[in-house]
Amino acid sequence: MPTAHLSSLHCGDYSVDSDSGANMTTFDAIATQTVRTAGHLEPAFVHALDIEIARRKLAGRKKKPNILIFLMDDVGWGDFGCYGGGVAVGAPTPNFDRLARTGLQLTSCYSEPSCSPSRATLMTGRVPNRHGLHRPPMYGEPGGQVAGN
């Protein structure tokens, strides 16, 4: 059975930290626990058989899962209370903290320093290496603003 090489996963009360490499957990064990803890969320699958199983499982549900994506400029992960910020940095975030407590909280994510690659990724479904936008277009470049006279 293949193993999932995850640096960190947190879902409700369930956490896996495999940075030490001592106890690698299989994807099946993580997916089973994730679905048990957050029954309204489905893990992403890559194999055709897994996709069919997920399709059948979702077809029997009365409600579709809710997925919220917040894309904000000039906000760091440590600005929210659920990641150690919030009240500690002088800006309480009770609604985000509540969403983190009751939903799926991702703890091993990556984002470009500019919002342009993230926005392009959401619009195209491709990672920056595929869509080619790693930074905002600059003055005079294709897609950038034209410098005034």
N, C-alpha and C. Protein backbone atom coordinates (compact mmCIF):
# COMPACT_ATOMS: atom_id res chain seq x y z
N MET A 1 0.85 -1.18 0.00
CA MET A 1 0.00 0.00 0.00
C MET A 1 0.90 1.25 0.00
N PRO A 2 0.66 2.24 -0.88
CA PRO A 2 1.53 3.42 -0.94
C PRO A 2 1.39 4.27 0.32
N THR A 3 2.43 5.00 0.62
CA THR A 3 2.39 5.89 1.78
C THR A 3 2.27 7.32 1.31
N ALA A 4 1.66 8.15 2.13
CA ALA A 4 1.53 9.57 1.83
C ALA A 4 2.65 10.30 2.56
N HIS A 5 3.43 11.05 1.85
CA HIS A 5 4.52 11.79 2.47
C HIS A 5 4.02 13.21 2.76
N LEU A 6 3.41 13.37 3.90
CA LEU A 6 2.83 14.64 4.31
C LEU A 6 3.70 15.23 5.40
N SER A 7 3.92 16.54 5.35
CA SER A 7 4.68 17.15 6.44
C SER A 7 3.76 17.42 7.62
N SER A 8 2.51 17.77 7.35
CA SER A 8 1.58 18.02 8.44
C SER A 8 0.16 18.01 7.91
N LEU A 9 -0.76 17.43 8.66
CA LEU A 9 -2.17 17.41 8.29
C LEU A 9 -2.97 17.58 9.56
N HIS A 10 -3.95 18.47 9.52
CA HIS A 10 -4.80 18.66 10.69
C HIS A 10 -6.24 18.70 10.22
N CYS A 11 -7.09 17.93 10.85
CA CYS A 11 -8.51 17.93 10.53
C CYS A 11 -9.28 17.73 11.82
N GLY A 12 -9.91 18.77 12.32
CA GLY A 12 -10.63 18.66 13.59
C GLY A 12 -9.67 18.30 14.70
N ASP A 13 -9.89 17.16 15.34
CA ASP A 13 -9.02 16.72 16.42
C ASP A 13 -7.93 15.78 15.95
N TYR A 14 -7.77 15.59 14.66
CA TYR A 14 -6.84 14.61 14.12
C TYR A 14 -5.63 15.32 13.53
N SER A 15 -4.44 14.96 13.95
CA SER A 15 -3.22 15.56 13.41
C SER A 15 -2.22 14.48 13.05
N VAL A 16 -1.48 14.71 11.98
CA VAL A 16 -0.38 13.84 11.59
C VAL A 16 0.82 14.74 11.39
N ASP A 17 1.93 14.44 12.02
CA ASP A 17 3.15 15.20 11.81
C ASP A 17 4.24 14.20 11.49
N SER A 18 4.59 14.10 10.22
CA SER A 18 5.54 13.08 9.81
C SER A 18 6.88 13.66 9.43
N ASP A 19 7.21 14.87 9.91
CA ASP A 19 8.50 15.45 9.60
C ASP A 19 9.64 14.54 10.07
N SER A 20 9.42 13.84 11.16
CA SER A 20 10.46 12.96 11.67
C SER A 20 10.64 11.75 10.77
N GLY A 21 9.62 11.39 10.00
CA GLY A 21 9.70 10.24 9.11
C GLY A 21 9.59 8.92 9.84
N ALA A 22 9.41 8.95 11.15
CA ALA A 22 9.40 7.73 11.94
C ALA A 22 8.14 6.90 11.72
N ASN A 23 6.99 7.54 11.59
CA ASN A 23 5.75 6.79 11.50
C ASN A 23 4.92 7.32 10.34
N MET A 24 5.27 6.97 9.11
CA MET A 24 4.54 7.44 7.94
C MET A 24 3.17 6.76 7.90
N THR A 25 2.14 7.54 7.67
CA THR A 25 0.77 7.03 7.67
C THR A 25 0.31 6.84 6.23
N THR A 26 -0.41 5.77 5.96
CA THR A 26 -0.90 5.54 4.60
C THR A 26 -2.01 6.52 4.28
N PHE A 27 -2.19 6.79 2.99
CA PHE A 27 -3.23 7.71 2.55
C PHE A 27 -4.60 7.19 2.98
N ASP A 28 -4.81 5.87 2.87
CA ASP A 28 -6.11 5.31 3.24
C ASP A 28 -6.45 5.59 4.70
N ALA A 29 -5.46 5.47 5.59
CA ALA A 29 -5.71 5.73 7.01
C ALA A 29 -6.05 7.19 7.23
N ILE A 30 -5.34 8.08 6.55
CA ILE A 30 -5.59 9.52 6.70
C ILE A 30 -6.97 9.86 6.13
N ALA A 31 -7.29 9.35 4.93
CA ALA A 31 -8.57 9.66 4.29
C ALA A 31 -9.73 9.15 5.13
N THR A 32 -9.60 7.95 5.68
CA THR A 32 -10.66 7.40 6.52
C THR A 32 -10.88 8.27 7.74
N GLN A 33 -9.82 8.67 8.40
CA GLN A 33 -9.92 9.50 9.59
C GLN A 33 -10.47 10.88 9.22
N THR A 34 -10.01 11.44 8.09
CA THR A 34 -10.48 12.75 7.67
C THR A 34 -11.98 12.73 7.42
N VAL A 35 -12.47 11.72 6.71
CA VAL A 35 -13.90 11.64 6.42
C VAL A 35 -14.69 11.43 7.70
N ARG A 36 -14.14 10.66 8.65
CA ARG A 36 -14.83 10.44 9.91
C ARG A 36 -14.95 11.74 10.69
N THR A 37 -13.88 12.52 10.73
CA THR A 37 -13.87 13.75 11.52
C THR A 37 -14.65 14.87 10.82
N ALA A 38 -14.48 14.98 9.52
CA ALA A 38 -15.14 16.04 8.75
C ALA A 38 -15.98 15.37 7.67
N GLY A 39 -17.12 14.81 8.05
CA GLY A 39 -17.94 14.01 7.16
C GLY A 39 -18.46 14.75 5.94
N HIS A 40 -18.49 16.08 5.99
CA HIS A 40 -19.02 16.84 4.86
C HIS A 40 -17.94 17.15 3.82
N LEU A 41 -16.70 16.76 4.07
CA LEU A 41 -15.61 17.02 3.13
C LEU A 41 -15.15 15.70 2.51
N GLU A 42 -14.73 15.74 1.27
CA GLU A 42 -14.21 14.56 0.60
C GLU A 42 -12.74 14.80 0.26
N PRO A 43 -11.88 13.82 0.50
CA PRO A 43 -10.47 13.99 0.10
C PRO A 43 -10.34 13.93 -1.41
N ALA A 44 -9.29 14.52 -1.95
CA ALA A 44 -9.05 14.49 -3.39
C ALA A 44 -8.43 13.14 -3.77
N PHE A 45 -8.86 12.57 -4.88
CA PHE A 45 -8.35 11.28 -5.33
C PHE A 45 -7.72 11.41 -6.70
N VAL A 46 -6.80 10.52 -6.99
CA VAL A 46 -6.13 10.52 -8.28
C VAL A 46 -6.43 9.28 -9.10
N HIS A 47 -6.71 8.17 -8.50
CA HIS A 47 -6.94 6.92 -9.22
C HIS A 47 -8.39 6.84 -9.70
N ALA A 48 -8.59 6.25 -10.87
CA ALA A 48 -9.93 6.16 -11.46
C ALA A 48 -10.91 5.42 -10.55
N LEU A 49 -10.48 4.34 -9.92
CA LEU A 49 -11.36 3.59 -9.04
C LEU A 49 -11.77 4.44 -7.84
N ASP A 50 -10.83 5.19 -7.29
CA ASP A 50 -11.13 6.06 -6.16
C ASP A 50 -12.11 7.16 -6.56
N ILE A 51 -11.96 7.69 -7.77
CA ILE A 51 -12.88 8.72 -8.26
C ILE A 51 -14.29 8.15 -8.36
N GLU A 52 -14.42 6.92 -8.86
CA GLU A 52 -15.74 6.29 -8.98
C GLU A 52 -16.36 6.05 -7.61
N ILE A 53 -15.57 5.61 -6.65
CA ILE A 53 -16.08 5.40 -5.29
C ILE A 53 -16.57 6.72 -4.70
N ALA A 54 -15.78 7.79 -4.88
CA ALA A 54 -16.17 9.11 -4.36
C ALA A 54 -17.43 9.60 -5.05
N ARG A 55 -17.54 9.39 -6.38
CA ARG A 55 -18.72 9.83 -7.13
C ARG A 55 -19.98 9.15 -6.59
N ARG A 56 -19.90 7.85 -6.36
CA ARG A 56 -21.06 7.12 -5.83
C ARG A 56 -21.42 7.59 -4.43
N LYS A 57 -20.41 7.84 -3.61
CA LYS A 57 -20.66 8.30 -2.25
C LYS A 57 -21.34 9.68 -2.26
N LEU A 58 -20.85 10.58 -3.11
CA LEU A 58 -21.43 11.92 -3.19
C LEU A 58 -22.83 11.90 -3.78
N ALA A 59 -23.11 10.96 -4.70
CA ALA A 59 -24.43 10.88 -5.32
C ALA A 59 -25.51 10.56 -4.29
N GLY A 60 -25.17 9.87 -3.22
CA GLY A 60 -26.14 9.51 -2.20
C GLY A 60 -26.40 10.59 -1.17
N ARG A 61 -25.67 11.68 -1.25
CA ARG A 61 -25.85 12.76 -0.26
C ARG A 61 -26.95 13.71 -0.69
N LYS A 62 -27.63 14.26 0.29
CA LYS A 62 -28.69 15.22 0.00
C LYS A 62 -28.13 16.63 -0.19
N LYS A 63 -27.02 16.92 0.48
CA LYS A 63 -26.42 18.25 0.38
C LYS A 63 -25.03 18.16 -0.24
N LYS A 64 -24.69 19.16 -1.03
CA LYS A 64 -23.33 19.24 -1.57
C LYS A 64 -22.42 19.83 -0.49
N PRO A 65 -21.13 19.48 -0.50
CA PRO A 65 -20.23 20.05 0.50
C PRO A 65 -20.03 21.55 0.26
N ASN A 66 -19.84 22.29 1.33
CA ASN A 66 -19.55 23.72 1.23
C ASN A 66 -18.04 23.91 1.17
N ILE A 67 -17.59 24.69 0.21
CA ILE A 67 -16.17 24.99 0.08
C ILE A 67 -16.04 26.50 0.04
N LEU A 68 -15.28 27.06 0.96
CA LEU A 68 -15.03 28.49 1.01
C LEU A 68 -13.57 28.75 0.69
N ILE A 69 -13.32 29.69 -0.21
CA ILE A 69 -11.96 30.10 -0.52
C ILE A 69 -11.87 31.59 -0.27
N PHE A 70 -10.97 31.98 0.61
CA PHE A 70 -10.73 33.39 0.89
C PHE A 70 -9.40 33.76 0.26
N LEU A 71 -9.41 34.70 -0.67
CA LEU A 71 -8.18 35.17 -1.30
C LEU A 71 -8.04 36.65 -0.95
N MET A 72 -7.06 36.96 -0.11
CA MET A 72 -6.91 38.32 0.40
C MET A 72 -5.49 38.82 0.14
N ASP A 73 -5.38 40.10 -0.10
CA ASP A 73 -4.07 40.72 -0.26
C ASP A 73 -3.55 41.20 1.09
N ASP A 74 -2.25 41.19 1.23
CA ASP A 74 -1.57 41.74 2.42
C ASP A 74 -2.03 41.09 3.72
N VAL A 75 -2.28 39.80 3.68
CA VAL A 75 -2.65 39.04 4.88
C VAL A 75 -1.72 37.84 4.96
N GLY A 76 -1.11 37.65 6.11
CA GLY A 76 -0.24 36.49 6.31
C GLY A 76 -0.95 35.43 7.13
N TRP A 77 -0.45 34.20 7.06
CA TRP A 77 -1.10 33.10 7.79
C TRP A 77 -1.12 33.37 9.28
N GLY A 78 -0.14 34.05 9.82
CA GLY A 78 -0.07 34.31 11.25
C GLY A 78 -0.96 35.45 11.72
N ASP A 79 -1.74 36.04 10.82
CA ASP A 79 -2.64 37.13 11.20
C ASP A 79 -3.94 36.62 11.81
N PHE A 80 -4.23 35.34 11.68
CA PHE A 80 -5.49 34.77 12.17
C PHE A 80 -5.27 34.05 13.49
N GLY A 81 -6.26 34.12 14.37
CA GLY A 81 -6.16 33.50 15.68
C GLY A 81 -5.93 32.01 15.63
N CYS A 82 -6.52 31.33 14.65
CA CYS A 82 -6.36 29.87 14.56
C CYS A 82 -4.93 29.46 14.23
N TYR A 83 -4.10 30.41 13.79
CA TYR A 83 -2.70 30.13 13.50
C TYR A 83 -1.77 30.91 14.44
N GLY A 84 -2.30 31.40 15.55
CA GLY A 84 -1.46 32.07 16.54
C GLY A 84 -1.53 33.59 16.52
N GLY A 85 -2.26 34.19 15.60
CA GLY A 85 -2.38 35.65 15.53
C GLY A 85 -3.63 36.12 16.22
N GLY A 86 -4.47 36.87 15.50
CA GLY A 86 -5.74 37.34 16.06
C GLY A 86 -5.53 38.31 17.19
N VAL A 87 -6.06 37.98 18.36
CA VAL A 87 -5.96 38.84 19.54
C VAL A 87 -4.50 39.11 19.88
N ALA A 88 -3.63 38.11 19.67
CA ALA A 88 -2.21 38.25 20.01
C ALA A 88 -1.54 39.37 19.22
N VAL A 89 -2.02 39.67 18.01
CA VAL A 89 -1.43 40.74 17.21
C VAL A 89 -2.34 41.96 17.16
N GLY A 90 -3.37 41.99 18.00
CA GLY A 90 -4.24 43.16 18.11
C GLY A 90 -5.39 43.19 17.13
N ALA A 91 -5.67 42.09 16.46
CA ALA A 91 -6.78 42.05 15.50
C ALA A 91 -7.52 40.73 15.65
N PRO A 92 -8.53 40.66 16.53
CA PRO A 92 -9.27 39.41 16.73
C PRO A 92 -9.93 38.93 15.43
N THR A 93 -9.94 37.64 15.22
CA THR A 93 -10.56 37.05 14.02
C THR A 93 -11.51 35.93 14.44
N PRO A 94 -12.58 36.26 15.18
CA PRO A 94 -13.45 35.21 15.72
C PRO A 94 -14.15 34.37 14.66
N ASN A 95 -14.54 34.96 13.54
CA ASN A 95 -15.25 34.19 12.52
C ASN A 95 -14.33 33.20 11.81
N PHE A 96 -13.12 33.64 11.48
CA PHE A 96 -12.15 32.71 10.88
C PHE A 96 -11.78 31.61 11.86
N ASP A 97 -11.62 31.97 13.13
CA ASP A 97 -11.27 30.98 14.15
C ASP A 97 -12.38 29.93 14.28
N ARG A 98 -13.64 30.36 14.22
CA ARG A 98 -14.76 29.43 14.30
C ARG A 98 -14.78 28.50 13.09
N LEU A 99 -14.56 29.05 11.90
CA LEU A 99 -14.50 28.21 10.70
C LEU A 99 -13.38 27.17 10.81
N ALA A 100 -12.24 27.58 11.35
CA ALA A 100 -11.11 26.66 11.50
C ALA A 100 -11.43 25.55 12.50
N ARG A 101 -12.14 25.90 13.57
CA ARG A 101 -12.48 24.89 14.59
C ARG A 101 -13.48 23.87 14.07
N THR A 102 -14.40 24.29 13.21
CA THR A 102 -15.48 23.40 12.77
C THR A 102 -15.25 22.81 11.38
N GLY A 103 -14.19 23.20 10.71
CA GLY A 103 -13.94 22.71 9.35
C GLY A 103 -12.59 22.03 9.22
N LEU A 104 -12.07 22.04 8.03
CA LEU A 104 -10.78 21.45 7.73
C LEU A 104 -9.75 22.56 7.73
N GLN A 105 -8.76 22.46 8.60
CA GLN A 105 -7.73 23.48 8.72
C GLN A 105 -6.45 22.97 8.09
N LEU A 106 -5.98 23.64 7.03
CA LEU A 106 -4.76 23.24 6.35
C LEU A 106 -3.56 23.88 7.05
N THR A 107 -2.53 23.09 7.30
CA THR A 107 -1.37 23.60 8.03
C THR A 107 -0.07 23.48 7.24
N SER A 108 -0.12 23.02 6.02
CA SER A 108 1.08 22.88 5.22
C SER A 108 0.76 23.36 3.81
N CYS A 109 0.73 24.67 3.63
CA CYS A 109 0.33 25.26 2.36
C CYS A 109 1.42 26.19 1.86
N TYR A 110 1.33 26.57 0.60
CA TYR A 110 2.30 27.48 0.01
C TYR A 110 1.56 28.50 -0.83
N SER A 111 2.04 29.71 -0.79
CA SER A 111 1.47 30.76 -1.62
C SER A 111 2.61 31.65 -2.12
N GLU A 112 2.46 32.17 -3.31
CA GLU A 112 3.45 33.09 -3.85
C GLU A 112 3.39 34.41 -3.07
N PRO A 113 4.48 35.20 -3.06
CA PRO A 113 4.46 36.47 -2.32
C PRO A 113 3.52 37.51 -2.92
N SER A 114 3.13 37.34 -4.17
CA SER A 114 2.18 38.24 -4.82
C SER A 114 0.87 37.49 -5.04
N CYS A 115 -0.25 38.22 -5.09
CA CYS A 115 -1.54 37.55 -5.28
C CYS A 115 -1.78 37.13 -6.72
N SER A 116 -1.03 37.68 -7.69
CA SER A 116 -1.27 37.37 -9.10
C SER A 116 -1.17 35.88 -9.42
N PRO A 117 -0.11 35.16 -8.98
CA PRO A 117 -0.06 33.73 -9.27
C PRO A 117 -1.21 32.95 -8.63
N SER A 118 -1.59 33.31 -7.41
CA SER A 118 -2.70 32.61 -6.75
C SER A 118 -4.01 32.84 -7.48
N ARG A 119 -4.26 34.07 -7.90
CA ARG A 119 -5.48 34.37 -8.64
C ARG A 119 -5.51 33.62 -9.97
N ALA A 120 -4.38 33.60 -10.68
CA ALA A 120 -4.31 32.87 -11.95
C ALA A 120 -4.53 31.38 -11.73
N THR A 121 -4.01 30.84 -10.63
CA THR A 121 -4.18 29.42 -10.31
C THR A 121 -5.66 29.11 -10.07
N LEU A 122 -6.35 29.96 -9.32
CA LEU A 122 -7.78 29.73 -9.07
C LEU A 122 -8.60 29.82 -10.35
N MET A 123 -8.23 30.75 -11.25
CA MET A 123 -9.00 30.93 -12.48
C MET A 123 -8.72 29.84 -13.51
N THR A 124 -7.49 29.31 -13.54
CA THR A 124 -7.14 28.33 -14.57
C THR A 124 -7.11 26.90 -14.07
N GLY A 125 -6.97 26.70 -12.75
CA GLY A 125 -6.83 25.36 -12.21
C GLY A 125 -5.44 24.79 -12.40
N ARG A 126 -4.49 25.64 -12.73
CA ARG A 126 -3.11 25.19 -12.96
C ARG A 126 -2.17 25.86 -11.97
N VAL A 127 -1.11 25.15 -11.60
CA VAL A 127 -0.11 25.72 -10.70
C VAL A 127 0.76 26.71 -11.47
N PRO A 128 1.45 27.65 -10.77
CA PRO A 128 2.25 28.66 -11.46
C PRO A 128 3.25 28.11 -12.48
N ASN A 129 3.84 26.94 -12.22
CA ASN A 129 4.77 26.38 -13.20
C ASN A 129 4.07 26.03 -14.50
N ARG A 130 2.76 25.81 -14.46
CA ARG A 130 2.00 25.48 -15.67
C ARG A 130 1.44 26.72 -16.37
N HIS A 131 0.93 27.70 -15.60
CA HIS A 131 0.37 28.89 -16.26
C HIS A 131 1.42 29.97 -16.48
N GLY A 132 2.58 29.88 -15.85
CA GLY A 132 3.70 30.76 -16.14
C GLY A 132 3.69 32.10 -15.44
N LEU A 133 2.72 32.38 -14.60
CA LEU A 133 2.66 33.66 -13.92
C LEU A 133 3.21 33.50 -12.50
N HIS A 134 4.47 33.89 -12.32
CA HIS A 134 5.13 33.75 -11.01
C HIS A 134 5.18 35.07 -10.25
N ARG A 135 4.92 36.15 -10.94
CA ARG A 135 4.94 37.48 -10.32
C ARG A 135 4.03 38.38 -11.15
N PRO A 136 3.66 39.54 -10.62
CA PRO A 136 2.80 40.43 -11.41
C PRO A 136 3.56 40.96 -12.63
N PRO A 137 2.88 41.12 -13.77
CA PRO A 137 3.53 41.72 -14.93
C PRO A 137 3.97 43.16 -14.61
N MET A 138 5.14 43.53 -15.06
CA MET A 138 5.70 44.85 -14.78
C MET A 138 5.40 45.81 -15.93
N TYR A 139 5.64 47.09 -15.72
CA TYR A 139 5.42 48.10 -16.75
C TYR A 139 6.17 47.73 -18.02
N GLY A 140 5.48 47.79 -19.14
CA GLY A 140 6.09 47.52 -20.43
C GLY A 140 6.12 46.05 -20.82
N GLU A 141 5.83 45.14 -19.90
CA GLU A 141 5.79 43.71 -20.21
C GLU A 141 4.39 43.35 -20.73
N PRO A 142 4.28 42.28 -21.52
CA PRO A 142 2.95 41.84 -21.96
C PRO A 142 2.05 41.59 -20.75
N GLY A 143 0.86 42.17 -20.75
CA GLY A 143 -0.07 42.02 -19.63
C GLY A 143 0.13 43.07 -18.55
N GLY A 144 1.22 43.80 -18.60
CA GLY A 144 1.48 44.84 -17.60
C GLY A 144 0.93 46.18 -18.05
N GLN A 145 0.95 47.14 -17.14
CA GLN A 145 0.46 48.47 -17.48
C GLN A 145 1.46 49.16 -18.41
N VAL A 146 0.92 50.01 -19.27
CA VAL A 146 1.77 50.76 -20.18
C VAL A 146 2.25 52.01 -19.47
N ALA A 147 3.55 52.25 -19.50
CA ALA A 147 4.11 53.43 -18.84
C ALA A 147 3.64 54.69 -19.55
N GLY A 148 3.22 55.68 -18.75
CA GLY A 148 2.74 56.94 -19.32
C GLY A 148 3.89 57.83 -19.79
N ASN A 149 3.58 58.74 -20.69
CA ASN A 149 4.61 59.68 -21.20
C ASN A 149 4.80 60.83 -20.26
